[in-house]
Amino acid sequence: MTEDQKKNLETQLWGIANLLRGKISADDYRDYILGFIFFKYLSEKQYLYANKLLTGEEVTEYTEVTDAETLKAIEEESVLQLGYYLAPTDLFRVLVAKGQARTEGESNYILDDLQTVLNHIENSTRNTESEDDFNALFEDLDLHSSKLGRTPNTRNAIVVEILGFLNKIDFRLDEIDADVLGDAYEYLIAKFAAGAGKSAGEFYTPQKVSKILAKIVTTGKDRLRSVYDPTCGSGSLLLRVAREAEVTEFFGQELNRTTYNLARMNMILHDVHYRDFDIKQDDTLEEPRHIEQRFEAVVANPPFSAHWKSSANPLNDSDERFSPYGRLAPKTKADYAFLTHMLYQLDDNGIMASVFPHGVLFRGAAEGTIREYIIKDMNALDAVIGLPANIFYGTSIPTCILVLRKDRRPDDKVVFIDASGEGHYIKEGNQNVLRDEDVDLIVETYRKRESKDKFSHIASLDEIAENDYNLNIPRYVDTFEEEEPVDLKAVSQELKQLDKELEETNKVIQKFCDELGIDTPF
């Protein structure tokens, strides 16, 4: 697929939003559109796989199969290989045809049939390996919600229109790389995030920031056994890592139920096999679902300065994720709780890279104690990267990336990078946006551990100790621009020249006024 064809696919999919804009709130139509795209994907995947299984059989078209024994065999193979099953009568194209066959001038009512099909997909996974990955996956698609329309017929008409529009789009799953459709899905998620205001941070990390994190945690590696995101949102950050290295298994946890469903859909749409990802839904700090495991790469964009139970939960004092540091992160700022949780789950040979608000660099009290322990006692801090303000959806605060490793040597230094200044980003609308060259400069500087004038500094642990373990980037990277010295002689000559030009101008004006017989204005 060419770049133009890819762009066309993205434009077509985003065009579905125009069918609902003004009729349904953006947050609601996001869930319907992404859910229906996912249903079509599952249907097309099933159709192609079933036809492949029928190669050489008397009936080679899946929609024409009626033999119960053949259908049972296809179901068993589909659940084993795809993780789910759709009967011929449940296919997307069949439902669309039924809805578009008009009776007395109106679309046929298909909402009950559609709900039954979505239920069938989930039920087909019961008591199988893929059950957790498909359980309640379509729960946000409430086809009988008044958000879709006041009456059943109105709701049905809207759904038939959306499905009909989608039916015209050829996903070409038998021709294109899985990432093409997956990228288009990511494009939609990004578009929804751009218009979602504060809630956008719950499910999406800007693409270029994801790219920095992914490149950092894959430094020196072409293959990773595992990658983990404790606040995985839509899963885009996990998937981004797989572009930089071959990833065997993906692990993530997400608190928001709707976003958790979106993450699982995103994984499947990127053709990640159900056996190769494990996404859980729960509060990572209070109910960690992968606590016994250690991961080769850890990436995250946790909620900034979130509230958590801290000392209100007495178990936290003995929790190995938090107890070694002597203090717990304050209950109004969970940043260091997330950081130490990730560090606990990081494997000895792994790299962790996560986004945080700037306050983690210099805030004192409990956070200062934790920060000092990480640097002085653990020698785990590897890099501090300052990002431009206003690059995250829903917040304009300046942010940073902290990079941590457990395999640093005693004499290893810490890379400080200040990529927050003008010249390291561009403006697009109300957002500041990193460019590919900005990403490349950050990653290259980190990997080569280079000191660059007004951009980066390589600090020893002694230097950081001298700064009382305050990591505020201006203490290490001098970005002050000195003003050019003033050449007084040149300024004097310019003033004399201006006086001369003004005198000549006044003479011309005086002559003009004399000819007209009027007073001069000076």
Protein backbone atom coordinates (compact mmCIF):
# COMPACT_ATOMS: atom_id res chain seq x y z
CA MET A 1 0.00 0.00 0.00
CA THR A 2 1.41 3.39 -0.98
CA GLU A 3 1.56 6.36 1.36
CA ASP A 4 -1.27 7.99 -0.62
CA GLN A 5 -3.44 4.89 -0.21
CA LYS A 6 -2.67 4.85 3.51
CA LYS A 7 -3.65 8.51 3.83
CA ASN A 8 -6.83 7.79 1.88
CA LEU A 9 -7.71 4.99 4.29
CA GLU A 10 -7.20 7.31 7.26
CA THR A 11 -9.33 10.01 5.63
CA GLN A 12 -12.12 7.55 4.85
CA LEU A 13 -12.18 6.23 8.40
CA TRP A 14 -12.13 9.72 9.91
CA GLY A 15 -14.98 10.61 7.56
CA ILE A 16 -17.23 8.34 9.61
CA ALA A 17 -16.97 10.86 12.44
CA ASN A 18 -18.72 13.41 10.23
CA LEU A 19 -21.77 11.14 10.16
CA LEU A 20 -22.14 11.53 13.91
CA ARG A 21 -20.69 14.96 14.64
CA GLY A 22 -23.42 17.12 16.09
CA LYS A 23 -25.63 14.12 16.81
CA ILE A 24 -23.54 12.47 19.53
CA SER A 25 -20.83 13.81 21.85
CA ALA A 26 -17.24 13.22 20.70
CA ASP A 27 -16.42 10.86 23.60
CA ASP A 28 -19.43 8.73 22.75
CA TYR A 29 -19.03 8.52 18.99
CA ARG A 30 -15.36 7.64 19.47
CA ASP A 31 -16.40 4.44 21.20
CA TYR A 32 -18.99 3.54 18.55
CA ILE A 33 -16.75 4.27 15.57
CA LEU A 34 -13.69 2.45 16.92
CA GLY A 35 -15.87 -0.43 18.05
CA PHE A 36 -17.56 -0.85 14.66
CA ILE A 37 -14.20 -0.67 12.85
CA PHE A 38 -12.94 -3.40 15.15
CA PHE A 39 -16.01 -5.55 14.45
CA LYS A 40 -15.47 -5.20 10.70
CA TYR A 41 -11.81 -6.17 11.16
CA LEU A 42 -12.71 -9.30 13.11
CA SER A 43 -15.31 -10.19 10.48
CA GLU A 44 -12.93 -9.75 7.54
CA LYS A 45 -10.22 -11.70 9.38
CA GLN A 46 -12.66 -14.56 10.00
CA TYR A 47 -13.89 -14.52 6.40
CA LEU A 48 -10.37 -14.75 4.95
CA TYR A 49 -9.25 -17.42 7.41
CA ALA A 50 -12.34 -19.56 6.80
CA ASN A 51 -11.88 -19.33 3.02
CA LYS A 52 -8.26 -20.43 3.49
CA LEU A 53 -9.43 -23.47 5.45
CA LEU A 54 -11.90 -24.27 2.65
CA THR A 55 -9.19 -24.36 -0.04
CA GLY A 56 -9.60 -27.58 -2.01
CA GLU A 57 -13.06 -28.28 -0.55
CA GLU A 58 -16.19 -28.59 -2.63
CA VAL A 59 -17.53 -25.33 -1.18
CA THR A 60 -14.78 -22.70 -1.05
CA GLU A 61 -16.86 -19.60 -0.15
CA TYR A 62 -17.44 -19.28 3.59
CA THR A 63 -20.82 -17.56 3.26
CA GLU A 64 -22.12 -20.55 1.31
CA VAL A 65 -21.17 -23.19 3.89
CA THR A 66 -24.19 -24.84 5.52
CA ASP A 67 -22.81 -28.20 6.56
CA ALA A 68 -22.80 -28.36 10.37
CA GLU A 69 -19.71 -30.56 10.57
CA THR A 70 -17.68 -28.23 8.36
CA LEU A 71 -18.81 -25.17 10.36
CA LYS A 72 -17.85 -26.87 13.61
CA ALA A 73 -14.38 -27.64 12.28
CA ILE A 74 -13.93 -24.02 11.14
CA GLU A 75 -15.10 -22.79 14.55
CA GLU A 76 -12.57 -24.94 16.41
CA GLU A 77 -9.68 -23.88 14.19
CA SER A 78 -10.72 -20.21 14.33
CA VAL A 79 -10.91 -20.11 18.13
CA LEU A 80 -7.51 -21.80 18.32
CA GLN A 81 -5.76 -19.57 15.78
CA LEU A 82 -7.73 -16.29 15.81
CA GLY A 83 -9.01 -16.50 19.36
CA TYR A 84 -12.70 -16.07 18.40
CA TYR A 85 -15.32 -17.26 15.91
CA LEU A 86 -17.95 -15.65 13.66
CA ALA A 87 -20.51 -17.79 11.87
CA PRO A 88 -21.26 -16.99 8.19
CA THR A 89 -24.57 -15.37 9.20
CA ASP A 90 -22.73 -13.16 11.73
CA LEU A 91 -20.35 -11.54 9.25
CA PHE A 92 -20.24 -7.76 8.96
CA ARG A 93 -21.22 -7.79 5.28
CA VAL A 94 -24.28 -9.94 5.98
CA LEU A 95 -25.57 -7.56 8.66
CA VAL A 96 -24.99 -4.55 6.42
CA ALA A 97 -26.94 -6.16 3.57
CA LYS A 98 -29.81 -6.94 5.93
CA GLY A 99 -29.89 -3.39 7.27
CA GLN A 100 -29.77 -1.79 3.83
CA ALA A 101 -32.60 -3.94 2.46
CA ARG A 102 -35.37 -1.41 2.99
CA THR A 103 -38.91 -2.25 4.05
CA GLU A 104 -41.59 0.37 3.40
CA GLY A 105 -38.91 2.98 2.77
CA GLU A 106 -37.03 2.39 6.05
CA SER A 107 -33.88 0.42 6.88
CA ASN A 108 -34.51 -3.02 8.31
CA TYR A 109 -34.12 -3.11 12.07
CA ILE A 110 -30.81 -4.86 12.88
CA LEU A 111 -29.82 -3.61 16.33
CA ASP A 112 -30.93 -6.76 18.12
CA ASP A 113 -29.16 -8.93 15.53
CA LEU A 114 -26.00 -6.84 15.84
CA GLN A 115 -26.02 -7.09 19.62
CA THR A 116 -26.46 -10.86 19.34
CA VAL A 117 -23.47 -11.11 16.99
CA LEU A 118 -21.24 -9.08 19.32
CA ASN A 119 -22.31 -11.34 22.18
CA HIS A 120 -21.53 -14.39 20.02
CA ILE A 121 -17.96 -13.19 19.49
CA GLU A 122 -17.37 -12.95 23.24
CA ASN A 123 -19.17 -16.22 23.95
CA SER A 124 -17.06 -18.07 21.39
CA THR A 125 -14.03 -17.50 23.63
CA ARG A 126 -15.56 -18.89 26.84
CA ASN A 127 -13.27 -21.40 28.60
CA THR A 128 -10.51 -20.87 26.03
CA GLU A 129 -7.04 -19.27 26.18
CA SER A 130 -8.37 -16.05 24.63
CA GLU A 131 -11.28 -15.53 27.03
CA ASP A 132 -9.61 -12.73 29.02
CA ASP A 133 -8.70 -10.89 25.83
CA PHE A 134 -12.29 -10.82 24.50
CA ASN A 135 -14.34 -10.73 27.71
CA ALA A 136 -16.77 -7.76 27.72
CA LEU A 137 -14.80 -6.25 24.83
CA PHE A 138 -17.88 -4.63 23.28
CA GLU A 139 -19.51 -3.43 26.50
CA ASP A 140 -19.14 0.24 25.52
CA LEU A 141 -21.22 -0.31 22.35
CA ASP A 142 -24.64 0.24 23.89
CA LEU A 143 -26.85 -0.06 20.82
CA HIS A 144 -29.97 0.84 22.78
CA SER A 145 -28.58 4.00 24.36
CA SER A 146 -30.49 7.25 23.89
CA LYS A 147 -27.07 8.79 23.02
CA LEU A 148 -27.51 7.23 19.57
CA GLY A 149 -31.01 8.63 19.11
CA ARG A 150 -34.30 9.22 20.85
CA THR A 151 -36.20 6.34 19.25
CA PRO A 152 -35.21 2.78 18.27
CA ASN A 153 -35.72 3.55 14.58
CA THR A 154 -33.52 6.65 14.82
CA ARG A 155 -30.78 4.64 16.52
CA ASN A 156 -31.09 1.89 13.93
CA ALA A 157 -30.86 4.35 11.03
CA ILE A 158 -27.64 5.87 12.44
CA VAL A 159 -26.03 2.45 12.97
CA VAL A 160 -27.03 1.25 9.49
CA GLU A 161 -25.54 4.43 8.01
CA ILE A 162 -22.23 3.94 9.87
CA LEU A 163 -21.96 0.27 8.95
CA GLY A 164 -22.85 1.05 5.33
CA PHE A 165 -20.11 3.69 5.15
CA LEU A 166 -17.60 1.27 6.66
CA ASN A 167 -18.66 -1.47 4.27
CA LYS A 168 -17.49 0.64 1.33
CA ILE A 169 -13.95 0.78 2.73
CA ASP A 170 -11.76 -2.11 1.63
CA PHE A 171 -9.43 -3.04 4.50
CA ARG A 172 -7.49 -5.30 2.08
CA LEU A 173 -6.34 -7.56 4.90
CA ASP A 174 -5.17 -10.17 2.39
CA GLU A 175 -2.81 -7.69 0.72
CA ILE A 176 -1.46 -5.21 3.24
CA ASP A 177 0.75 -5.39 6.29
CA ALA A 178 -1.26 -5.54 9.51
CA ASP A 179 0.37 -2.32 10.70
CA VAL A 180 -1.31 -0.33 7.90
CA LEU A 181 -4.80 -0.80 9.28
CA GLY A 182 -3.39 -0.63 12.80
CA ASP A 183 -1.77 2.71 11.96
CA ALA A 184 -5.06 4.00 10.60
CA TYR A 185 -6.71 2.96 13.85
CA GLU A 186 -3.97 4.79 15.78
CA TYR A 187 -4.56 7.81 13.56
CA LEU A 188 -8.21 7.87 14.61
CA ILE A 189 -7.29 7.50 18.27
CA ALA A 190 -4.91 10.47 17.91
CA LYS A 191 -7.60 12.54 16.17
CA PHE A 192 -10.07 11.81 18.96
CA ALA A 193 -7.41 12.63 21.55
CA ALA A 194 -6.74 16.00 19.91
CA GLY A 195 -10.35 16.99 20.48
CA ALA A 196 -10.91 15.33 23.82
CA GLY A 197 -9.45 18.02 26.11
CA LYS A 198 -8.30 16.91 29.54
CA SER A 199 -9.55 13.34 29.11
CA ALA A 200 -7.15 12.74 26.20
CA GLY A 201 -4.24 12.05 28.52
CA GLU A 202 -6.09 9.01 29.80
CA PHE A 203 -5.71 7.09 26.59
CA TYR A 204 -3.09 8.59 24.30
CA THR A 205 0.58 9.61 24.35
CA PRO A 206 1.67 11.88 21.46
CA GLN A 207 3.37 9.85 18.75
CA LYS A 208 6.75 11.58 18.89
CA VAL A 209 7.00 11.22 22.67
CA SER A 210 6.15 7.52 22.30
CA LYS A 211 8.91 7.27 19.70
CA ILE A 212 11.50 8.73 22.09
CA LEU A 213 10.53 6.33 24.88
CA ALA A 214 10.51 3.34 22.51
CA LYS A 215 13.90 4.14 21.03
CA ILE A 216 15.45 4.67 24.46
CA VAL A 217 14.28 1.34 25.96
CA THR A 218 15.45 -0.56 22.88
CA THR A 219 18.94 0.96 22.95
CA GLY A 220 21.43 -1.72 21.93
CA LYS A 221 18.72 -4.34 21.36
CA ASP A 222 17.00 -5.76 18.30
CA ARG A 223 14.81 -8.10 20.31
CA LEU A 224 12.99 -7.83 23.64
CA ARG A 225 11.53 -10.69 25.63
CA SER A 226 8.93 -8.40 27.17
CA VAL A 227 7.71 -4.81 27.38
CA TYR A 228 5.45 -3.47 30.14
CA ASP A 229 3.32 -0.34 30.58
CA PRO A 230 1.59 -0.01 33.98
CA THR A 231 -0.73 2.76 32.73
CA CYS A 232 -1.10 1.57 29.16
CA GLY A 233 -4.06 3.66 27.94
CA SER A 234 -4.91 2.61 24.38
CA GLY A 235 -1.76 0.49 24.15
CA SER A 236 -0.13 2.76 21.59
CA LEU A 237 3.09 3.10 23.59
CA LEU A 238 3.53 -0.67 23.87
CA LEU A 239 2.95 -1.05 20.14
CA ARG A 240 5.43 1.73 19.40
CA VAL A 241 8.20 -0.27 21.11
CA ALA A 242 7.55 -3.12 18.68
CA ARG A 243 8.55 -0.82 15.81
CA GLU A 244 12.02 -0.45 17.25
CA ALA A 245 12.66 -4.09 18.19
CA GLU A 246 11.04 -7.49 17.90
CA VAL A 247 8.88 -7.96 21.01
CA THR A 248 7.95 -11.44 22.20
CA GLU A 249 5.30 -10.45 24.78
CA PHE A 250 3.37 -7.29 25.68
CA PHE A 251 2.11 -6.58 29.20
CA GLY A 252 -0.01 -3.69 30.42
CA GLN A 253 -2.50 -2.52 33.01
CA GLU A 254 -5.15 0.18 32.71
CA LEU A 255 -7.57 1.59 35.29
CA ASN A 256 -10.24 3.05 32.99
CA ARG A 257 -12.56 0.31 31.73
CA THR A 258 -13.33 1.91 28.36
CA THR A 259 -9.65 2.59 27.69
CA TYR A 260 -8.78 -0.96 28.73
CA ASN A 261 -11.17 -2.25 26.06
CA LEU A 262 -9.61 0.09 23.53
CA ALA A 263 -6.11 -1.21 24.37
CA ARG A 264 -7.16 -4.82 23.75
CA MET A 265 -8.80 -3.86 20.44
CA ASN A 266 -5.68 -1.96 19.43
CA MET A 267 -3.46 -4.98 20.12
CA ILE A 268 -5.65 -7.32 18.08
CA LEU A 269 -5.97 -4.81 15.24
CA HIS A 270 -2.17 -4.66 15.04
CA ASP A 271 -2.23 -8.43 14.58
CA VAL A 272 -0.65 -9.15 17.96
CA HIS A 273 -1.72 -12.73 18.69
CA TYR A 274 -3.91 -13.17 21.76
CA ARG A 275 -1.23 -15.39 23.34
CA ASP A 276 1.37 -12.62 23.01
CA PHE A 277 -0.30 -9.87 25.03
CA ASP A 278 -1.65 -9.66 28.56
CA ILE A 279 -3.59 -6.46 29.30
CA LYS A 280 -5.31 -6.23 32.70
CA GLN A 281 -7.83 -3.78 34.12
CA ASP A 282 -7.27 -2.49 37.66
CA ASP A 283 -5.51 0.15 39.77
CA THR A 284 -1.81 -0.55 39.20
CA LEU A 285 -0.66 0.93 42.53
CA GLU A 286 -3.29 -0.81 44.66
CA GLU A 287 -3.88 -4.00 42.64
CA PRO A 288 -0.82 -4.72 40.46
CA ARG A 289 -1.64 -7.66 38.19
CA HIS A 290 1.88 -8.58 37.03
CA ILE A 291 3.71 -8.14 40.32
CA GLU A 292 5.65 -11.41 40.15
CA GLN A 293 7.13 -10.63 36.75
CA ARG A 294 10.16 -8.61 35.65
CA PHE A 295 10.33 -6.89 32.29
CA GLU A 296 13.15 -6.11 29.89
CA ALA A 297 11.62 -2.79 28.89
CA VAL A 298 9.23 -0.56 30.86
CA VAL A 299 7.54 2.49 29.32
CA ALA A 300 4.79 4.70 30.67
CA ASN A 301 2.99 8.02 30.65
CA PRO A 302 1.32 7.87 34.10
CA PRO A 303 -1.36 10.37 35.14
CA PHE A 304 0.47 13.48 36.34
CA SER A 305 0.38 14.11 40.10
CA ALA A 306 -2.53 11.72 40.64
CA HIS A 307 -4.00 10.99 44.06
CA TRP A 308 -3.38 7.59 45.65
CA LYS A 309 -3.89 5.99 49.08
CA SER A 310 -0.24 6.38 50.19
CA SER A 311 -0.04 5.99 53.99
CA ALA A 312 -3.83 5.57 54.18
CA ASN A 313 -3.17 2.00 53.06
CA PRO A 314 -1.01 0.43 55.81
CA LEU A 315 0.08 -2.31 53.42
CA ASN A 316 2.09 0.24 51.43
CA ASP A 317 4.60 0.57 54.29
CA SER A 318 5.65 -3.05 53.78
CA ASP A 319 5.14 -3.22 50.01
CA GLU A 320 8.52 -3.96 48.42
CA ARG A 321 7.73 -1.50 45.62
CA PHE A 322 7.65 1.42 48.07
CA SER A 323 9.21 0.42 51.41
CA PRO A 324 12.99 0.56 50.62
CA TYR A 325 12.95 4.32 50.15
CA GLY A 326 12.07 5.28 53.71
CA ARG A 327 9.13 7.48 52.70
CA LEU A 328 5.96 7.05 50.67
CA ALA A 329 5.04 9.38 47.83
CA PRO A 330 2.53 11.99 49.09
CA LYS A 331 -1.12 11.07 48.65
CA THR A 332 -1.74 14.03 46.32
CA LYS A 333 1.21 13.20 44.06
CA ALA A 334 1.60 9.57 43.03
CA ASP A 335 4.44 10.26 40.57
CA TYR A 336 7.13 8.56 42.65
CA ALA A 337 4.77 5.71 43.53
CA PHE A 338 4.47 4.94 39.81
CA LEU A 339 8.21 5.41 39.34
CA THR A 340 9.23 2.99 42.10
CA HIS A 341 6.57 0.50 41.00
CA MET A 342 8.09 0.47 37.51
CA LEU A 343 11.62 0.24 38.87
CA TYR A 344 10.58 -2.75 40.99
CA GLN A 345 9.24 -4.56 37.92
CA LEU A 346 12.25 -3.72 35.73
CA ASP A 347 14.56 -6.64 34.97
CA ASP A 348 18.25 -6.37 35.86
CA ASN A 349 19.24 -5.89 32.21
CA GLY A 350 16.30 -3.66 31.29
CA ILE A 351 15.70 0.03 30.62
CA MET A 352 12.79 2.07 31.95
CA ALA A 353 11.67 5.34 30.37
CA SER A 354 8.66 7.27 31.62
CA VAL A 355 7.13 10.72 31.35
CA PHE A 356 6.61 12.81 34.48
CA PRO A 357 5.78 16.42 35.42
CA HIS A 358 8.81 18.60 36.08
CA GLY A 359 8.09 18.64 39.81
CA VAL A 360 9.63 15.17 40.25
CA LEU A 361 13.01 16.74 39.50
CA PHE A 362 13.11 19.13 42.44
CA ARG A 363 10.22 18.69 44.90
CA GLY A 364 11.46 18.05 48.43
CA ALA A 365 10.10 16.27 51.51
CA ALA A 366 9.20 12.60 50.83
CA GLU A 367 9.85 12.94 47.10
CA GLY A 368 13.30 14.36 47.75
CA THR A 369 14.11 11.42 50.02
CA ILE A 370 12.98 8.90 47.41
CA ARG A 371 14.87 10.71 44.66
CA GLU A 372 18.11 10.73 46.66
CA TYR A 373 17.82 7.00 47.40
CA ILE A 374 17.32 6.18 43.70
CA ILE A 375 20.41 8.20 42.73
CA LYS A 376 22.76 7.70 45.69
CA ASP A 377 21.94 4.24 47.01
CA MET A 378 20.67 2.50 43.87
CA ASN A 379 22.61 4.41 41.19
CA ALA A 380 19.59 3.77 38.96
CA LEU A 381 19.12 7.18 37.32
CA ASP A 382 20.52 7.15 33.78
CA ALA A 383 19.08 10.25 32.10
CA VAL A 384 16.85 13.29 32.57
CA ILE A 385 15.26 14.75 29.43
CA GLY A 386 13.34 18.02 29.49
CA LEU A 387 10.49 18.27 26.94
CA PRO A 388 8.72 21.37 25.61
CA ALA A 389 5.63 22.61 27.41
CA ASN A 390 2.22 22.04 25.84
CA ILE A 391 3.02 18.87 23.89
CA PHE A 392 0.53 16.65 25.75
CA TYR A 393 -3.19 16.75 25.09
CA GLY A 394 -5.16 18.21 27.98
CA THR A 395 -2.28 19.92 29.81
CA SER A 396 0.22 22.64 29.00
CA ILE A 397 2.65 21.95 31.86
CA PRO A 398 6.31 21.23 31.07
CA THR A 399 7.24 17.58 31.32
CA CYS A 400 10.34 15.40 31.43
CA ILE A 401 11.43 11.86 30.73
CA LEU A 402 13.30 9.91 33.38
CA VAL A 403 15.41 6.96 32.24
CA LEU A 404 16.42 4.35 34.81
CA ARG A 405 18.56 1.20 34.70
CA LYS A 406 19.62 -1.39 37.27
CA ASP A 407 22.83 -2.40 35.50
CA ARG A 408 24.73 0.90 35.78
CA ARG A 409 28.36 0.79 36.93
CA PRO A 410 29.52 2.84 39.94
CA ASP A 411 31.33 5.37 37.74
CA ASP A 412 28.53 5.79 35.17
CA LYS A 413 27.34 9.35 34.71
CA VAL A 414 23.86 10.81 34.12
CA VAL A 415 22.81 12.42 30.84
CA PHE A 416 20.89 15.70 31.16
CA ILE A 417 19.13 16.93 28.02
CA ASP A 418 17.18 20.17 27.64
CA ALA A 419 14.95 19.81 24.58
CA SER A 420 12.41 22.33 25.84
CA GLY A 421 13.65 25.44 24.07
CA GLU A 422 12.62 27.06 20.81
CA GLY A 423 14.20 25.37 17.85
CA HIS A 424 13.50 21.91 19.27
CA TYR A 425 9.81 21.84 18.34
CA ILE A 426 7.22 23.50 16.10
CA LYS A 427 3.73 24.85 16.77
CA GLU A 428 0.70 23.16 15.23
CA GLY A 429 -2.47 24.97 16.24
CA ASN A 430 -2.51 25.21 20.02
CA GLN A 431 -0.01 22.39 20.51
CA ASN A 432 3.77 22.27 20.47
CA VAL A 433 4.92 19.31 18.41
CA LEU A 434 8.26 17.50 18.22
CA ARG A 435 9.62 16.75 14.74
CA ASP A 436 11.50 13.64 13.66
CA GLU A 437 14.77 15.58 13.76
CA ASP A 438 14.02 16.65 17.35
CA VAL A 439 13.39 13.03 18.34
CA ASP A 440 16.57 11.88 16.59
CA LEU A 441 18.69 14.52 18.35
CA ILE A 442 17.37 13.53 21.78
CA VAL A 443 17.86 9.80 21.22
CA GLU A 444 21.29 10.20 19.61
CA THR A 445 22.49 12.41 22.48
CA TYR A 446 21.25 9.89 25.03
CA ARG A 447 22.81 6.90 23.29
CA LYS A 448 26.16 8.58 22.61
CA ARG A 449 26.10 10.27 26.03
CA GLU A 450 27.36 13.49 24.51
CA SER A 451 27.68 16.93 26.02
CA LYS A 452 26.39 19.57 23.60
CA ASP A 453 26.46 23.30 24.12
CA LYS A 454 23.14 24.60 25.47
CA PHE A 455 21.49 21.21 24.92
CA SER A 456 23.05 18.47 27.05
CA HIS A 457 25.43 17.83 29.92
CA ILE A 458 26.99 14.66 31.32
CA ALA A 459 26.91 14.88 35.11
CA SER A 460 28.79 12.78 37.64
CA LEU A 461 27.05 11.50 40.75
CA ASP A 462 29.26 13.83 42.80
CA GLU A 463 27.97 16.81 40.82
CA ILE A 464 24.38 15.73 41.47
CA ALA A 465 25.18 15.29 45.17
CA GLU A 466 26.61 18.83 45.25
CA ASN A 467 23.21 19.99 43.99
CA ASP A 468 21.54 18.12 46.91
CA TYR A 469 20.07 15.63 44.43
CA ASN A 470 18.01 18.36 42.82
CA LEU A 471 17.64 17.38 39.17
CA ASN A 472 16.27 20.68 37.85
CA ILE A 473 17.75 20.75 34.36
CA PRO A 474 18.99 24.40 34.31
CA ARG A 475 21.37 23.45 37.14
CA TYR A 476 23.17 21.20 34.66
CA VAL A 477 22.46 22.51 31.14
CA ASP A 478 23.24 26.18 30.63
CA THR A 479 20.86 27.51 27.98
CA PHE A 480 21.43 31.19 28.76
CA GLU A 481 21.95 33.20 25.59
CA GLU A 482 24.44 36.04 26.07
CA GLU A 483 23.57 39.28 24.34
CA GLU A 484 25.95 40.51 21.69
CA PRO A 485 28.22 43.30 23.07
CA VAL A 486 27.09 46.74 21.94
CA ASP A 487 29.46 48.51 19.52
CA LEU A 488 29.04 52.11 20.71
CA LYS A 489 31.09 53.54 17.85
CA ALA A 490 28.88 51.83 15.26
CA VAL A 491 25.72 53.01 17.07
CA SER A 492 27.05 56.59 17.09
CA GLN A 493 27.71 56.44 13.36
CA GLU A 494 24.22 55.09 12.68
CA LEU A 495 22.67 57.90 14.73
CA LYS A 496 24.67 60.50 12.82
CA GLN A 497 23.52 58.97 9.54
CA LEU A 498 19.89 59.03 10.73
CA ASP A 499 20.25 62.69 11.76
CA LYS A 500 21.63 63.52 8.33
CA GLU A 501 18.77 61.71 6.56
CA LEU A 502 16.22 63.42 8.80
CA GLU A 503 17.75 66.84 8.03
CA GLU A 504 17.50 66.18 4.28
CA THR A 505 13.88 65.04 4.65
CA ASN A 506 13.00 68.18 6.60
CA LYS A 507 14.47 70.35 3.84
CA VAL A 508 12.27 68.66 1.24
CA ILE A 509 9.19 69.13 3.43
CA GLN A 510 10.10 72.80 4.06
CA LYS A 511 10.43 73.45 0.32
CA PHE A 512 7.10 71.73 -0.40
CA CYS A 513 5.32 73.79 2.28
CA ASP A 514 6.86 77.06 1.01
CA GLU A 515 5.56 76.34 -2.49
CA LEU A 516 2.05 75.76 -1.12
CA GLY A 517 2.23 78.77 1.18
CA ILE A 518 1.52 76.75 4.36
CA ASP A 519 3.33 76.41 7.66
CA THR A 520 5.66 73.46 8.15
CA PRO A 521 4.46 70.83 10.68
CA PHE A 522 7.66 71.17 12.73
